[in-house]
C-alpha atoms as a PDB file:
ATOM      1  CA  UNK A   1     -11.211 -14.796   4.739  1.00  0.00           C
ATOM      2  CA  UNK A   2      -8.505 -12.115   4.895  1.00  0.00           C
ATOM      3  CA  UNK A   3      -5.758 -14.707   4.374  1.00  0.00           C
ATOM      4  CA  UNK A   4      -7.548 -16.127   1.342  1.00  0.00           C
ATOM      5  CA  UNK A   5      -7.973 -12.615  -0.056  1.00  0.00           C
ATOM      6  CA  UNK A   6      -4.268 -11.841   0.400  1.00  0.00           C
ATOM      7  CA  UNK A   7      -3.323 -15.121  -1.255  1.00  0.00           C
ATOM      8  CA  UNK A   8      -5.460 -14.268  -4.273  1.00  0.00           C
ATOM      9  CA  UNK A   9      -4.055 -10.738  -4.562  1.00  0.00           C
ATOM     10  CA  UNK A  10      -0.378 -11.289  -3.939  1.00  0.00           C
ATOM     11  CA  UNK A  11       2.200 -13.269  -5.849  1.00  0.00           C
ATOM     12  CA  UNK A  12       5.360 -14.144  -3.960  1.00  0.00           C
ATOM     13  CA  UNK A  13       8.783 -14.024  -5.534  1.00  0.00           C
ATOM     14  CA  UNK A  14      11.966 -15.058  -3.749  1.00  0.00           C
ATOM     15  CA  UNK A  15      14.293 -12.135  -3.223  1.00  0.00           C
ATOM     16  CA  UNK A  16      17.507 -11.387  -1.372  1.00  0.00           C
ATOM     17  CA  UNK A  17      15.778 -10.304   1.860  1.00  0.00           C
ATOM     18  CA  UNK A  18      12.801 -12.653   2.026  1.00  0.00           C
ATOM     19  CA  UNK A  19       9.675 -12.463  -0.091  1.00  0.00           C
ATOM     20  CA  UNK A  20       8.953  -9.660  -2.506  1.00  0.00           C
ATOM     21  CA  UNK A  21       5.268  -8.743  -2.637  1.00  0.00           C
ATOM     22  CA  UNK A  22       3.948  -7.928  -6.098  1.00  0.00           C
ATOM     23  CA  UNK A  23       0.353  -6.658  -6.282  1.00  0.00           C
ATOM     24  CA  UNK A  24      -1.855  -8.073  -9.017  1.00  0.00           C
ATOM     25  CA  UNK A  25      -4.279  -6.256 -11.325  1.00  0.00           C
ATOM     26  CA  UNK A  26      -5.271  -2.802 -10.025  1.00  0.00           C
ATOM     27  CA  UNK A  27      -3.919  -3.240  -6.493  1.00  0.00           C
ATOM     28  CA  UNK A  28      -1.242  -1.095  -4.855  1.00  0.00           C
ATOM     29  CA  UNK A  29       1.065  -2.093  -1.983  1.00  0.00           C
ATOM     30  CA  UNK A  30       1.489   0.629   0.661  1.00  0.00           C
ATOM     31  CA  UNK A  31       3.544   1.056   3.800  1.00  0.00           C
ATOM     32  CA  UNK A  32       1.816   3.288   6.311  1.00  0.00           C
ATOM     33  CA  UNK A  33       3.594   6.489   7.290  1.00  0.00           C
ATOM     34  CA  UNK A  34       3.974   6.945  11.029  1.00  0.00           C
ATOM     35  CA  UNK A  35       2.670  10.284  12.261  1.00  0.00           C
ATOM     36  CA  UNK A  36       5.112  12.010  14.555  1.00  0.00           C
ATOM     37  CA  UNK A  37       5.235  15.206  16.531  1.00  0.00           C
ATOM     38  CA  UNK A  38       8.485  16.982  17.351  1.00  0.00           C
ATOM     39  CA  UNK A  39       8.762  18.695  20.726  1.00  0.00           C
ATOM     40  CA  UNK A  40      12.168  20.370  20.980  1.00  0.00           C
ATOM     41  CA  UNK A  41      14.674  17.659  20.124  1.00  0.00           C
ATOM     42  CA  UNK A  42      12.321  14.817  21.106  1.00  0.00           C
ATOM     43  CA  UNK A  43      10.150  13.075  18.507  1.00  0.00           C
ATOM     44  CA  UNK A  44       6.885  11.659  19.852  1.00  0.00           C
ATOM     45  CA  UNK A  45       5.139   8.930  17.871  1.00  0.00           C
ATOM     46  CA  UNK A  46       1.392   9.468  17.663  1.00  0.00           C
ATOM     47  CA  UNK A  47      -0.298   6.186  18.595  1.00  0.00           C
ATOM     48  CA  UNK A  48      -3.795   7.590  19.182  1.00  0.00           C
ATOM     49  CA  UNK A  49      -4.554   9.059  15.765  1.00  0.00           C
ATOM     50  CA  UNK A  50      -4.193   6.719  12.819  1.00  0.00           C
ATOM     51  CA  UNK A  51      -3.066   8.524   9.700  1.00  0.00           C
ATOM     52  CA  UNK A  52      -4.394   7.647   6.253  1.00  0.00           C
ATOM     53  CA  UNK A  53      -1.109   8.659   4.616  1.00  0.00           C
ATOM     54  CA  UNK A  54       1.137   5.925   3.209  1.00  0.00           C
ATOM     55  CA  UNK A  55       4.079   5.438   0.864  1.00  0.00           C
ATOM     56  CA  UNK A  56       3.661   3.361  -2.282  1.00  0.00           C
ATOM     57  CA  UNK A  57       5.964   0.319  -2.294  1.00  0.00           C
ATOM     58  CA  UNK A  58       4.740  -1.473  -5.435  1.00  0.00           C
ATOM     59  CA  UNK A  59       2.043  -1.083  -8.098  1.00  0.00           C
ATOM     60  CA  UNK A  60       0.173  -3.800  -9.991  1.00  0.00           C
ATOM     61  CA  UNK A  61       0.095  -3.807 -13.814  1.00  0.00           C
ATOM     62  CA  UNK A  62      -3.481  -2.479 -13.996  1.00  0.00           C
ATOM     63  CA  UNK A  63      -6.774  -4.002 -15.046  1.00  0.00           C
ATOM     64  CA  UNK A  64      -8.500  -4.534 -18.359  1.00  0.00           C
ATOM     65  CA  UNK A  65     -11.357  -2.246 -19.364  1.00  0.00           C
ATOM     66  CA  UNK A  66     -14.536  -3.304 -21.175  1.00  0.00           C
ATOM     67  CA  UNK A  67     -12.709  -3.377 -24.544  1.00  0.00           C
ATOM     68  CA  UNK A  68      -9.955  -5.620 -23.190  1.00  0.00           C
ATOM     69  CA  UNK A  69      -7.301  -2.867 -23.125  1.00  0.00           C
ATOM     70  CA  UNK A  70      -5.025  -2.657 -20.087  1.00  0.00           C
ATOM     71  CA  UNK A  71      -5.574   0.471 -17.977  1.00  0.00           C
ATOM     72  CA  UNK A  72      -2.119   1.264 -16.603  1.00  0.00           C
ATOM     73  CA  UNK A  73      -1.875   2.638 -13.045  1.00  0.00           C
ATOM     74  CA  UNK A  74      -0.299   6.104 -13.061  1.00  0.00           C
ATOM     75  CA  UNK A  75       1.123   5.918  -9.537  1.00  0.00           C
ATOM     76  CA  UNK A  76       4.804   5.229  -8.834  1.00  0.00           C
ATOM     77  CA  UNK A  77       6.693   3.627  -5.944  1.00  0.00           C
ATOM     78  CA  UNK A  78       7.954   6.226  -3.479  1.00  0.00           C
ATOM     79  CA  UNK A  79       4.957   8.558  -3.824  1.00  0.00           C
ATOM     80  CA  UNK A  80       3.021   9.414  -0.656  1.00  0.00           C
ATOM     81  CA  UNK A  81      -0.750   9.071  -0.932  1.00  0.00           C
ATOM     82  CA  UNK A  82      -3.926   9.471   1.103  1.00  0.00           C
ATOM     83  CA  UNK A  83      -6.266   6.473   1.044  1.00  0.00           C
ATOM     84  CA  UNK A  84      -9.770   5.605   2.249  1.00  0.00           C
ATOM     85  CA  UNK A  85      -9.746   4.390   5.821  1.00  0.00           C
ATOM     86  CA  UNK A  86     -11.522   1.005   5.640  1.00  0.00           C
ATOM     87  CA  UNK A  87     -10.447  -0.073   2.153  1.00  0.00           C
ATOM     88  CA  UNK A  88      -7.216  -1.931   2.948  1.00  0.00           C
ATOM     89  CA  UNK A  89      -6.078  -5.488   3.517  1.00  0.00           C
ATOM     90  CA  UNK A  90      -3.229  -5.725   6.033  1.00  0.00           C
ATOM     91  CA  UNK A  91      -0.190  -7.969   5.582  1.00  0.00           C
ATOM     92  CA  UNK A  92       2.738  -8.217   8.016  1.00  0.00           C
ATOM     93  CA  UNK A  93       6.194  -9.606   7.293  1.00  0.00           C
ATOM     94  CA  UNK A  94       9.418  -9.197   9.310  1.00  0.00           C
ATOM     95  CA  UNK A  95       7.716  -6.778  11.752  1.00  0.00           C
ATOM     96  CA  UNK A  96       6.716  -4.468   8.876  1.00  0.00           C
ATOM     97  CA  UNK A  97       3.033  -3.820   8.153  1.00  0.00           C
ATOM     98  CA  UNK A  98       1.955  -3.504   4.533  1.00  0.00           C
ATOM     99  CA  UNK A  99      -1.434  -2.480   3.151  1.00  0.00           C
ATOM    100  CA  UNK A 100      -2.985  -3.752  -0.072  1.00  0.00           C
ATOM    101  CA  UNK A 101      -5.550  -1.443  -1.625  1.00  0.00           C
ATOM    102  CA  UNK A 102      -7.350  -0.977  -4.933  1.00  0.00           C
ATOM    103  CA  UNK A 103      -6.122   2.023  -6.891  1.00  0.00           C
ATOM    104  CA  UNK A 104      -9.632   3.539  -6.871  1.00  0.00           C
ATOM    105  CA  UNK A 105      -9.459   3.789  -3.053  1.00  0.00           C
ATOM    106  CA  UNK A 106      -6.411   6.077  -3.221  1.00  0.00           C
ATOM    107  CA  UNK A 107      -7.859   9.582  -3.126  1.00  0.00           C
ATOM    108  CA  UNK A 108      -4.857  11.954  -3.310  1.00  0.00           C
ATOM    109  CA  UNK A 109      -1.105  12.280  -3.812  1.00  0.00           C
ATOM    110  CA  UNK A 110       0.808  14.171  -1.101  1.00  0.00           C
ATOM    111  CA  UNK A 111       3.478  16.413  -2.634  1.00  0.00           C
END
């Protein structure tokens, strides 16, 4: 079911480095931020605690409201956001994990 859902949500476009993922409607493509801890000059990756912070890679065009007008998503690629934990669909390509999520499941912008 997850593969069918990804196929419905994502449109593929050939690019220079493989496929470019473009979210549809009110979906946002995220790349999860790795949580790290610095001890002296050594950086330790935290594998126990999963962070709900991610960087926006791409934003869909938005969705139509009841009157048929397009509601534009006000998020931009490069912004770091906090999202709801169990609201994502995972996609992996070239050893990079991406998350697809509805814009309503993004709860804050990290500045």
